[in-house]
Amino acid sequence: LWQVRALVHRRDDPLPAEVSEKVPSFGPLSLLEAVRWDYEATDHSTRGHPLQALRPWLEEQGLPDARTVASLRDGTRVRYAGLVICRQAPERAGGVRFFTLEDETGFVNVVAWRDVFHRHRLLATTATFLGVTGRLQVEDGVVHVVAERFWSPSWAQPARVRSRDFR
């Protein structure tokens, strides 16, 4: 206690300000890293879309963007990968599930019949970045991919985006 009381008299003494540590230097973040950090912190980014930086790799895999999918003809077989932003399972839809996937150019609507959904249930309900293979159904300007299978584009992981899931 005596030593503590003695310290009270020294409370206005300056602390030594010499720093001998080197400040670490970090390289700049890539666009993908910066957007990923933004999404982890705030669920959005003003720097760009999470798939924007991955577009060259997606194109190498032969995966079109949403704008291209919307321009294709009815019945076209397509492979697409996007961020899951919405999953719907309406009670009166007889087990049919609806998904909305997105990339930096827009949205792709996906319809999964009951058997397709059940074959890929775990992936379809948990993935934030989801691939789908199916046929386009174009009717009155509305474009849907009727899913034949879902797959994981595991070679690339953009930011985790929370989907809005409804019943």
N, C-alpha and C. Protein backbone atom coordinates (compact mmCIF):
# COMPACT_ATOMS: atom_id res chain seq x y z
N LEU A 1 0.83 -1.20 0.00
CA LEU A 1 0.00 0.00 0.00
C LEU A 1 0.86 1.25 0.00
N TRP A 2 1.99 1.21 0.78
CA TRP A 2 2.86 2.38 0.82
C TRP A 2 3.42 2.68 -0.56
N GLN A 3 3.74 1.61 -1.31
CA GLN A 3 4.28 1.82 -2.66
C GLN A 3 3.22 2.42 -3.60
N VAL A 4 1.99 1.98 -3.46
CA VAL A 4 0.91 2.51 -4.29
C VAL A 4 0.69 3.97 -3.96
N ARG A 5 0.68 4.32 -2.66
CA ARG A 5 0.50 5.73 -2.27
C ARG A 5 1.63 6.59 -2.82
N ALA A 6 2.83 6.06 -2.90
CA ALA A 6 3.95 6.81 -3.44
C ALA A 6 3.75 7.10 -4.93
N LEU A 7 3.06 6.20 -5.62
CA LEU A 7 2.82 6.39 -7.06
C LEU A 7 1.88 7.56 -7.33
N VAL A 8 0.99 7.86 -6.39
CA VAL A 8 0.06 8.97 -6.58
C VAL A 8 0.81 10.25 -6.85
N HIS A 9 1.95 10.44 -6.17
CA HIS A 9 2.74 11.65 -6.36
C HIS A 9 3.40 11.69 -7.73
N ARG A 10 3.47 10.57 -8.41
CA ARG A 10 4.13 10.51 -9.70
C ARG A 10 3.15 10.47 -10.87
N ARG A 11 1.86 10.67 -10.58
CA ARG A 11 0.85 10.51 -11.63
C ARG A 11 1.00 11.51 -12.77
N ASP A 12 1.63 12.64 -12.57
CA ASP A 12 1.81 13.61 -13.65
C ASP A 12 3.12 13.42 -14.40
N ASP A 13 3.92 12.43 -14.02
CA ASP A 13 5.16 12.17 -14.72
C ASP A 13 4.85 11.67 -16.14
N PRO A 14 5.60 12.14 -17.13
CA PRO A 14 5.35 11.67 -18.51
C PRO A 14 5.82 10.23 -18.67
N LEU A 15 5.14 9.52 -19.54
CA LEU A 15 5.55 8.16 -19.88
C LEU A 15 6.66 8.22 -20.92
N PRO A 16 7.56 7.27 -20.92
CA PRO A 16 8.60 7.29 -21.96
C PRO A 16 7.94 7.10 -23.33
N ALA A 17 8.29 7.95 -24.28
CA ALA A 17 7.64 7.95 -25.59
C ALA A 17 8.49 7.32 -26.68
N GLU A 18 9.62 6.81 -26.35
CA GLU A 18 10.45 6.19 -27.37
C GLU A 18 9.86 4.84 -27.78
N VAL A 19 9.71 4.65 -29.08
CA VAL A 19 9.18 3.40 -29.61
C VAL A 19 10.26 2.82 -30.52
N SER A 20 10.67 1.63 -30.20
CA SER A 20 11.70 1.01 -31.02
C SER A 20 11.14 -0.07 -31.93
N GLU A 21 9.82 -0.25 -31.91
CA GLU A 21 9.20 -1.27 -32.75
C GLU A 21 9.05 -0.77 -34.18
N LYS A 22 9.18 -1.68 -35.12
CA LYS A 22 8.93 -1.33 -36.51
C LYS A 22 7.44 -1.51 -36.77
N VAL A 23 6.87 -0.58 -37.46
CA VAL A 23 5.46 -0.67 -37.83
C VAL A 23 5.38 -1.61 -39.03
N PRO A 24 4.54 -2.65 -38.93
CA PRO A 24 4.45 -3.58 -40.07
C PRO A 24 3.81 -2.88 -41.26
N SER A 25 4.25 -3.24 -42.44
CA SER A 25 3.62 -2.67 -43.63
C SER A 25 2.86 -3.80 -44.33
N PHE A 26 1.71 -3.47 -44.78
CA PHE A 26 0.86 -4.43 -45.47
C PHE A 26 0.62 -3.94 -46.88
N GLY A 27 0.58 -4.86 -47.80
CA GLY A 27 0.27 -4.50 -49.17
C GLY A 27 -1.20 -4.13 -49.28
N PRO A 28 -1.57 -3.45 -50.33
CA PRO A 28 -2.98 -3.08 -50.49
C PRO A 28 -3.85 -4.32 -50.70
N LEU A 29 -5.10 -4.22 -50.29
CA LEU A 29 -6.05 -5.31 -50.50
C LEU A 29 -6.45 -5.36 -51.96
N SER A 30 -6.69 -6.57 -52.44
CA SER A 30 -7.24 -6.70 -53.80
C SER A 30 -8.71 -6.28 -53.73
N LEU A 31 -9.31 -6.05 -54.89
CA LEU A 31 -10.73 -5.69 -54.92
C LEU A 31 -11.57 -6.77 -54.25
N LEU A 32 -11.27 -8.04 -54.54
CA LEU A 32 -12.00 -9.14 -53.93
C LEU A 32 -11.88 -9.11 -52.41
N GLU A 33 -10.68 -8.89 -51.89
CA GLU A 33 -10.47 -8.84 -50.44
C GLU A 33 -11.19 -7.66 -49.82
N ALA A 34 -11.11 -6.50 -50.45
CA ALA A 34 -11.76 -5.30 -49.91
C ALA A 34 -13.28 -5.48 -49.86
N VAL A 35 -13.85 -6.00 -50.93
CA VAL A 35 -15.31 -6.21 -50.97
C VAL A 35 -15.70 -7.27 -49.94
N ARG A 36 -14.90 -8.34 -49.82
CA ARG A 36 -15.18 -9.39 -48.84
C ARG A 36 -15.20 -8.80 -47.42
N TRP A 37 -14.22 -7.97 -47.10
CA TRP A 37 -14.17 -7.35 -45.77
C TRP A 37 -15.38 -6.43 -45.56
N ASP A 38 -15.76 -5.68 -46.59
CA ASP A 38 -16.94 -4.82 -46.48
C ASP A 38 -18.18 -5.65 -46.15
N TYR A 39 -18.36 -6.76 -46.87
CA TYR A 39 -19.53 -7.60 -46.64
C TYR A 39 -19.52 -8.23 -45.25
N GLU A 40 -18.36 -8.63 -44.77
CA GLU A 40 -18.29 -9.20 -43.43
C GLU A 40 -18.64 -8.17 -42.37
N ALA A 41 -18.29 -6.92 -42.62
CA ALA A 41 -18.56 -5.87 -41.64
C ALA A 41 -19.96 -5.29 -41.75
N THR A 42 -20.48 -5.13 -42.99
CA THR A 42 -21.74 -4.38 -43.15
C THR A 42 -22.76 -5.03 -44.06
N ASP A 43 -22.49 -6.21 -44.60
CA ASP A 43 -23.39 -6.91 -45.54
C ASP A 43 -23.58 -6.20 -46.87
N HIS A 44 -22.73 -5.24 -47.20
CA HIS A 44 -22.74 -4.62 -48.52
C HIS A 44 -21.40 -3.92 -48.75
N SER A 45 -21.20 -3.46 -49.99
CA SER A 45 -19.96 -2.76 -50.31
C SER A 45 -20.24 -1.70 -51.36
N THR A 46 -19.64 -0.54 -51.19
CA THR A 46 -19.73 0.50 -52.22
C THR A 46 -18.62 0.36 -53.24
N ARG A 47 -17.69 -0.56 -53.00
CA ARG A 47 -16.55 -0.75 -53.90
C ARG A 47 -16.89 -1.62 -55.10
N GLY A 48 -17.91 -2.46 -54.96
CA GLY A 48 -18.27 -3.34 -56.06
C GLY A 48 -19.02 -4.55 -55.56
N HIS A 49 -19.39 -5.41 -56.49
CA HIS A 49 -20.12 -6.64 -56.18
C HIS A 49 -19.11 -7.74 -55.90
N PRO A 50 -19.41 -8.67 -54.99
CA PRO A 50 -18.47 -9.75 -54.68
C PRO A 50 -18.03 -10.59 -55.88
N LEU A 51 -18.86 -10.69 -56.90
CA LEU A 51 -18.48 -11.50 -58.05
C LEU A 51 -17.76 -10.70 -59.14
N GLN A 52 -17.72 -9.40 -59.01
CA GLN A 52 -17.08 -8.56 -60.02
C GLN A 52 -15.61 -8.95 -60.23
N ALA A 53 -14.89 -9.12 -59.14
CA ALA A 53 -13.47 -9.46 -59.25
C ALA A 53 -13.26 -10.90 -59.73
N LEU A 54 -14.29 -11.74 -59.58
CA LEU A 54 -14.18 -13.14 -60.01
C LEU A 54 -14.64 -13.36 -61.45
N ARG A 55 -15.14 -12.33 -62.11
CA ARG A 55 -15.70 -12.50 -63.46
C ARG A 55 -14.71 -13.16 -64.42
N PRO A 56 -13.41 -12.80 -64.44
CA PRO A 56 -12.51 -13.50 -65.37
C PRO A 56 -12.47 -15.01 -65.12
N TRP A 57 -12.47 -15.45 -63.87
CA TRP A 57 -12.46 -16.89 -63.56
C TRP A 57 -13.79 -17.52 -63.94
N LEU A 58 -14.89 -16.82 -63.69
CA LEU A 58 -16.20 -17.36 -64.06
C LEU A 58 -16.28 -17.54 -65.58
N GLU A 59 -15.76 -16.58 -66.33
CA GLU A 59 -15.76 -16.69 -67.79
C GLU A 59 -14.88 -17.84 -68.26
N GLU A 60 -13.75 -18.05 -67.58
CA GLU A 60 -12.88 -19.18 -67.93
C GLU A 60 -13.61 -20.51 -67.74
N GLN A 61 -14.51 -20.55 -66.77
CA GLN A 61 -15.29 -21.76 -66.51
C GLN A 61 -16.50 -21.88 -67.45
N GLY A 62 -16.67 -20.89 -68.32
CA GLY A 62 -17.79 -20.91 -69.26
C GLY A 62 -19.10 -20.51 -68.62
N LEU A 63 -19.04 -19.76 -67.52
CA LEU A 63 -20.25 -19.36 -66.80
C LEU A 63 -20.64 -17.93 -67.19
N PRO A 64 -21.83 -17.76 -67.74
CA PRO A 64 -22.28 -16.44 -68.17
C PRO A 64 -22.71 -15.58 -66.98
N ASP A 65 -22.82 -14.28 -67.23
CA ASP A 65 -23.38 -13.40 -66.20
C ASP A 65 -24.90 -13.37 -66.35
N ALA A 66 -25.57 -12.75 -65.40
CA ALA A 66 -27.04 -12.74 -65.39
C ALA A 66 -27.61 -12.04 -66.62
N ARG A 67 -26.96 -10.99 -67.09
CA ARG A 67 -27.44 -10.26 -68.26
C ARG A 67 -27.44 -11.18 -69.48
N THR A 68 -26.39 -11.99 -69.61
CA THR A 68 -26.31 -12.93 -70.74
C THR A 68 -27.37 -14.00 -70.61
N VAL A 69 -27.58 -14.54 -69.42
CA VAL A 69 -28.61 -15.56 -69.21
C VAL A 69 -29.98 -15.02 -69.64
N ALA A 70 -30.27 -13.77 -69.28
CA ALA A 70 -31.57 -13.17 -69.62
C ALA A 70 -31.76 -13.00 -71.12
N SER A 71 -30.68 -13.01 -71.89
CA SER A 71 -30.79 -12.81 -73.34
C SER A 71 -30.87 -14.12 -74.12
N LEU A 72 -30.74 -15.26 -73.43
CA LEU A 72 -30.75 -16.55 -74.12
C LEU A 72 -32.18 -16.98 -74.45
N ARG A 73 -32.28 -17.94 -75.35
CA ARG A 73 -33.59 -18.40 -75.83
C ARG A 73 -34.19 -19.47 -74.93
N ASP A 74 -35.48 -19.58 -74.99
CA ASP A 74 -36.22 -20.61 -74.27
C ASP A 74 -35.67 -21.99 -74.61
N GLY A 75 -35.48 -22.82 -73.59
CA GLY A 75 -35.01 -24.18 -73.81
C GLY A 75 -33.49 -24.32 -73.82
N THR A 76 -32.76 -23.22 -73.79
CA THR A 76 -31.30 -23.28 -73.80
C THR A 76 -30.80 -23.92 -72.51
N ARG A 77 -29.88 -24.85 -72.63
CA ARG A 77 -29.24 -25.45 -71.45
C ARG A 77 -28.18 -24.48 -70.98
N VAL A 78 -28.14 -24.23 -69.66
CA VAL A 78 -27.23 -23.22 -69.12
C VAL A 78 -26.63 -23.67 -67.80
N ARG A 79 -25.39 -23.25 -67.58
CA ARG A 79 -24.72 -23.38 -66.28
C ARG A 79 -24.49 -21.97 -65.80
N TYR A 80 -24.84 -21.70 -64.54
CA TYR A 80 -24.72 -20.35 -63.99
C TYR A 80 -24.31 -20.47 -62.52
N ALA A 81 -23.55 -19.50 -62.05
CA ALA A 81 -23.20 -19.44 -60.63
C ALA A 81 -23.41 -18.02 -60.14
N GLY A 82 -24.07 -17.92 -58.99
CA GLY A 82 -24.34 -16.61 -58.42
C GLY A 82 -24.50 -16.69 -56.92
N LEU A 83 -24.58 -15.52 -56.30
CA LEU A 83 -24.82 -15.44 -54.86
C LEU A 83 -26.29 -15.65 -54.59
N VAL A 84 -26.62 -16.46 -53.61
CA VAL A 84 -28.01 -16.72 -53.26
C VAL A 84 -28.50 -15.55 -52.42
N ILE A 85 -29.48 -14.83 -52.94
CA ILE A 85 -30.02 -13.71 -52.16
C ILE A 85 -31.42 -13.98 -51.65
N CYS A 86 -32.06 -15.04 -52.17
CA CYS A 86 -33.41 -15.36 -51.70
C CYS A 86 -33.73 -16.82 -51.99
N ARG A 87 -34.35 -17.46 -51.00
CA ARG A 87 -34.86 -18.83 -51.15
C ARG A 87 -36.32 -18.79 -50.72
N GLN A 88 -37.19 -19.42 -51.51
CA GLN A 88 -38.60 -19.43 -51.14
C GLN A 88 -39.15 -20.85 -51.26
N ALA A 89 -39.98 -21.20 -50.30
CA ALA A 89 -40.64 -22.51 -50.29
C ALA A 89 -42.11 -22.30 -49.94
N PRO A 90 -42.90 -21.79 -50.89
CA PRO A 90 -44.31 -21.54 -50.59
C PRO A 90 -45.05 -22.84 -50.25
N GLU A 91 -45.93 -22.77 -49.28
CA GLU A 91 -46.66 -23.96 -48.82
C GLU A 91 -47.47 -24.59 -49.94
N ARG A 92 -48.05 -23.79 -50.79
CA ARG A 92 -48.94 -24.31 -51.83
C ARG A 92 -48.23 -24.62 -53.14
N ALA A 93 -46.89 -24.65 -53.12
CA ALA A 93 -46.14 -24.90 -54.35
C ALA A 93 -45.83 -26.37 -54.56
N GLY A 94 -46.31 -27.25 -53.70
CA GLY A 94 -46.12 -28.69 -53.89
C GLY A 94 -44.67 -29.13 -53.84
N GLY A 95 -43.87 -28.49 -53.01
CA GLY A 95 -42.47 -28.88 -52.87
C GLY A 95 -41.52 -28.20 -53.82
N VAL A 96 -42.05 -27.37 -54.71
CA VAL A 96 -41.20 -26.61 -55.62
C VAL A 96 -40.52 -25.50 -54.82
N ARG A 97 -39.23 -25.28 -55.08
CA ARG A 97 -38.47 -24.22 -54.40
C ARG A 97 -38.05 -23.19 -55.43
N PHE A 98 -38.00 -21.95 -54.98
CA PHE A 98 -37.62 -20.84 -55.83
C PHE A 98 -36.40 -20.15 -55.23
N PHE A 99 -35.44 -19.83 -56.07
CA PHE A 99 -34.21 -19.18 -55.65
C PHE A 99 -34.00 -17.94 -56.51
N THR A 100 -33.39 -16.94 -55.93
CA THR A 100 -32.91 -15.80 -56.70
C THR A 100 -31.41 -15.73 -56.49
N LEU A 101 -30.67 -15.84 -57.59
CA LEU A 101 -29.22 -15.73 -57.55
C LEU A 101 -28.85 -14.41 -58.20
N GLU A 102 -27.71 -13.86 -57.79
CA GLU A 102 -27.32 -12.56 -58.32
C GLU A 102 -25.83 -12.53 -58.63
N ASP A 103 -25.49 -11.70 -59.61
CA ASP A 103 -24.09 -11.37 -59.86
C ASP A 103 -24.02 -9.87 -60.10
N GLU A 104 -22.89 -9.39 -60.59
CA GLU A 104 -22.70 -7.95 -60.74
C GLU A 104 -23.54 -7.33 -61.84
N THR A 105 -24.22 -8.17 -62.66
CA THR A 105 -25.03 -7.62 -63.77
C THR A 105 -26.53 -7.76 -63.55
N GLY A 106 -26.95 -8.51 -62.54
CA GLY A 106 -28.38 -8.66 -62.30
C GLY A 106 -28.73 -9.94 -61.59
N PHE A 107 -29.97 -10.39 -61.80
CA PHE A 107 -30.55 -11.52 -61.07
C PHE A 107 -30.91 -12.66 -62.02
N VAL A 108 -30.87 -13.88 -61.48
CA VAL A 108 -31.32 -15.06 -62.21
C VAL A 108 -32.29 -15.80 -61.30
N ASN A 109 -33.50 -16.05 -61.80
CA ASN A 109 -34.50 -16.81 -61.06
C ASN A 109 -34.31 -18.28 -61.35
N VAL A 110 -34.40 -19.10 -60.30
CA VAL A 110 -34.21 -20.54 -60.43
C VAL A 110 -35.42 -21.25 -59.83
N VAL A 111 -35.91 -22.24 -60.54
CA VAL A 111 -37.00 -23.09 -60.05
C VAL A 111 -36.44 -24.48 -59.87
N ALA A 112 -36.65 -25.06 -58.70
CA ALA A 112 -36.19 -26.42 -58.43
C ALA A 112 -37.40 -27.29 -58.08
N TRP A 113 -37.66 -28.28 -58.94
CA TRP A 113 -38.73 -29.21 -58.64
C TRP A 113 -38.35 -30.03 -57.41
N ARG A 114 -39.33 -30.63 -56.78
CA ARG A 114 -39.14 -31.34 -55.51
C ARG A 114 -38.00 -32.36 -55.56
N ASP A 115 -37.95 -33.21 -56.59
CA ASP A 115 -36.92 -34.25 -56.63
C ASP A 115 -35.51 -33.66 -56.77
N VAL A 116 -35.37 -32.62 -57.58
CA VAL A 116 -34.05 -31.96 -57.74
C VAL A 116 -33.64 -31.33 -56.42
N PHE A 117 -34.57 -30.64 -55.78
CA PHE A 117 -34.25 -30.00 -54.51
C PHE A 117 -33.81 -31.04 -53.47
N HIS A 118 -34.55 -32.13 -53.36
CA HIS A 118 -34.21 -33.14 -52.34
C HIS A 118 -32.86 -33.81 -52.61
N ARG A 119 -32.51 -33.99 -53.89
CA ARG A 119 -31.20 -34.56 -54.21
C ARG A 119 -30.05 -33.64 -53.78
N HIS A 120 -30.31 -32.34 -53.76
CA HIS A 120 -29.27 -31.35 -53.48
C HIS A 120 -29.63 -30.49 -52.27
N ARG A 121 -30.45 -31.03 -51.39
CA ARG A 121 -31.02 -30.27 -50.28
C ARG A 121 -29.98 -29.53 -49.43
N LEU A 122 -28.95 -30.21 -48.98
CA LEU A 122 -27.96 -29.58 -48.10
C LEU A 122 -27.28 -28.40 -48.78
N LEU A 123 -26.80 -28.61 -49.98
CA LEU A 123 -26.14 -27.54 -50.71
C LEU A 123 -27.12 -26.40 -51.01
N ALA A 124 -28.31 -26.74 -51.47
CA ALA A 124 -29.29 -25.72 -51.87
C ALA A 124 -29.76 -24.86 -50.70
N THR A 125 -29.72 -25.41 -49.50
CA THR A 125 -30.20 -24.65 -48.34
C THR A 125 -29.09 -23.95 -47.56
N THR A 126 -27.83 -24.26 -47.86
CA THR A 126 -26.75 -23.67 -47.06
C THR A 126 -25.75 -22.83 -47.85
N ALA A 127 -25.61 -23.08 -49.13
CA ALA A 127 -24.59 -22.38 -49.91
C ALA A 127 -24.93 -20.91 -50.07
N THR A 128 -23.92 -20.08 -50.02
CA THR A 128 -24.12 -18.66 -50.31
C THR A 128 -23.71 -18.34 -51.74
N PHE A 129 -22.81 -19.14 -52.30
CA PHE A 129 -22.40 -19.03 -53.69
C PHE A 129 -22.76 -20.37 -54.32
N LEU A 130 -23.73 -20.36 -55.25
CA LEU A 130 -24.33 -21.59 -55.71
C LEU A 130 -24.29 -21.67 -57.23
N GLY A 131 -23.96 -22.87 -57.72
CA GLY A 131 -24.01 -23.12 -59.15
C GLY A 131 -25.25 -23.92 -59.47
N VAL A 132 -25.80 -23.67 -60.65
CA VAL A 132 -26.99 -24.40 -61.09
C VAL A 132 -26.82 -24.75 -62.57
N THR A 133 -27.26 -25.95 -62.91
CA THR A 133 -27.32 -26.38 -64.30
C THR A 133 -28.77 -26.69 -64.59
N GLY A 134 -29.27 -26.20 -65.73
CA GLY A 134 -30.66 -26.46 -66.08
C GLY A 134 -31.01 -25.89 -67.43
N ARG A 135 -32.31 -25.86 -67.69
CA ARG A 135 -32.82 -25.33 -68.96
C ARG A 135 -33.58 -24.04 -68.69
N LEU A 136 -33.44 -23.12 -69.64
CA LEU A 136 -34.15 -21.85 -69.50
C LEU A 136 -35.61 -22.00 -69.89
N GLN A 137 -36.42 -21.35 -69.11
CA GLN A 137 -37.84 -21.25 -69.43
C GLN A 137 -38.10 -19.75 -69.58
N VAL A 138 -38.42 -19.35 -70.79
CA VAL A 138 -38.67 -17.94 -71.08
C VAL A 138 -40.12 -17.82 -71.52
N GLU A 139 -40.87 -17.04 -70.76
CA GLU A 139 -42.28 -16.88 -71.07
C GLU A 139 -42.71 -15.46 -70.72
N ASP A 140 -43.24 -14.75 -71.70
CA ASP A 140 -43.68 -13.36 -71.53
C ASP A 140 -42.59 -12.48 -70.91
N GLY A 141 -41.35 -12.68 -71.35
CA GLY A 141 -40.25 -11.86 -70.87
C GLY A 141 -39.69 -12.25 -69.52
N VAL A 142 -40.29 -13.26 -68.88
CA VAL A 142 -39.79 -13.74 -67.59
C VAL A 142 -38.91 -14.95 -67.85
N VAL A 143 -37.68 -14.90 -67.27
CA VAL A 143 -36.69 -15.95 -67.51
C VAL A 143 -36.42 -16.70 -66.22
N HIS A 144 -36.51 -18.03 -66.29
CA HIS A 144 -36.20 -18.89 -65.14
C HIS A 144 -35.24 -19.98 -65.61
N VAL A 145 -34.35 -20.38 -64.73
CA VAL A 145 -33.58 -21.59 -64.97
C VAL A 145 -34.30 -22.70 -64.21
N VAL A 146 -34.75 -23.70 -64.93
CA VAL A 146 -35.37 -24.86 -64.28
C VAL A 146 -34.22 -25.80 -63.95
N ALA A 147 -33.93 -25.92 -62.67
CA ALA A 147 -32.74 -26.63 -62.21
C ALA A 147 -32.81 -28.12 -62.49
N GLU A 148 -31.69 -28.65 -63.00
CA GLU A 148 -31.50 -30.09 -63.13
C GLU A 148 -30.56 -30.58 -62.03
N ARG A 149 -29.64 -29.68 -61.64
CA ARG A 149 -28.75 -30.00 -60.53
C ARG A 149 -28.14 -28.72 -60.00
N PHE A 150 -27.76 -28.78 -58.73
CA PHE A 150 -27.01 -27.70 -58.08
C PHE A 150 -25.60 -28.20 -57.83
N TRP A 151 -24.65 -27.30 -57.81
CA TRP A 151 -23.26 -27.66 -57.55
C TRP A 151 -22.57 -26.48 -56.87
N SER A 152 -21.44 -26.80 -56.28
CA SER A 152 -20.68 -25.79 -55.55
C SER A 152 -19.49 -25.32 -56.37
N PRO A 153 -19.43 -24.03 -56.69
CA PRO A 153 -18.24 -23.51 -57.38
C PRO A 153 -17.13 -23.30 -56.35
N SER A 154 -16.61 -24.39 -55.82
CA SER A 154 -15.69 -24.35 -54.69
C SER A 154 -14.34 -23.76 -55.01
N TRP A 155 -14.02 -23.57 -56.27
CA TRP A 155 -12.74 -23.00 -56.66
C TRP A 155 -12.67 -21.51 -56.39
N ALA A 156 -13.78 -20.89 -56.03
CA ALA A 156 -13.78 -19.46 -55.73
C ALA A 156 -14.75 -19.18 -54.60
N GLN A 157 -14.35 -18.37 -53.67
CA GLN A 157 -15.22 -18.03 -52.55
C GLN A 157 -15.32 -16.51 -52.39
N PRO A 158 -16.37 -15.92 -52.95
CA PRO A 158 -16.55 -14.49 -52.73
C PRO A 158 -17.06 -14.24 -51.31
N ALA A 159 -17.43 -13.04 -51.04
CA ALA A 159 -17.95 -12.70 -49.71
C ALA A 159 -19.18 -13.52 -49.39
N ARG A 160 -19.35 -13.82 -48.11
CA ARG A 160 -20.55 -14.52 -47.67
C ARG A 160 -21.69 -13.51 -47.61
N VAL A 161 -22.75 -13.81 -48.32
CA VAL A 161 -23.91 -12.93 -48.38
C VAL A 161 -25.06 -13.66 -47.73
N ARG A 162 -25.77 -12.96 -46.87
CA ARG A 162 -26.93 -13.58 -46.21
C ARG A 162 -28.13 -13.55 -47.14
N SER A 163 -28.76 -14.69 -47.32
CA SER A 163 -29.95 -14.74 -48.16
C SER A 163 -31.18 -14.44 -47.31
N ARG A 164 -32.21 -14.01 -48.01
CA ARG A 164 -33.50 -13.78 -47.35
C ARG A 164 -34.34 -15.01 -47.66
N ASP A 165 -34.60 -15.83 -46.67
CA ASP A 165 -35.30 -17.09 -46.89
C ASP A 165 -36.72 -16.97 -46.35
N PHE A 166 -37.69 -17.34 -47.20
CA PHE A 166 -39.10 -17.20 -46.83
C PHE A 166 -39.82 -18.52 -47.03
N ARG A 167 -40.92 -18.66 -46.35
CA ARG A 167 -41.81 -19.81 -46.54
C ARG A 167 -43.06 -19.33 -47.19
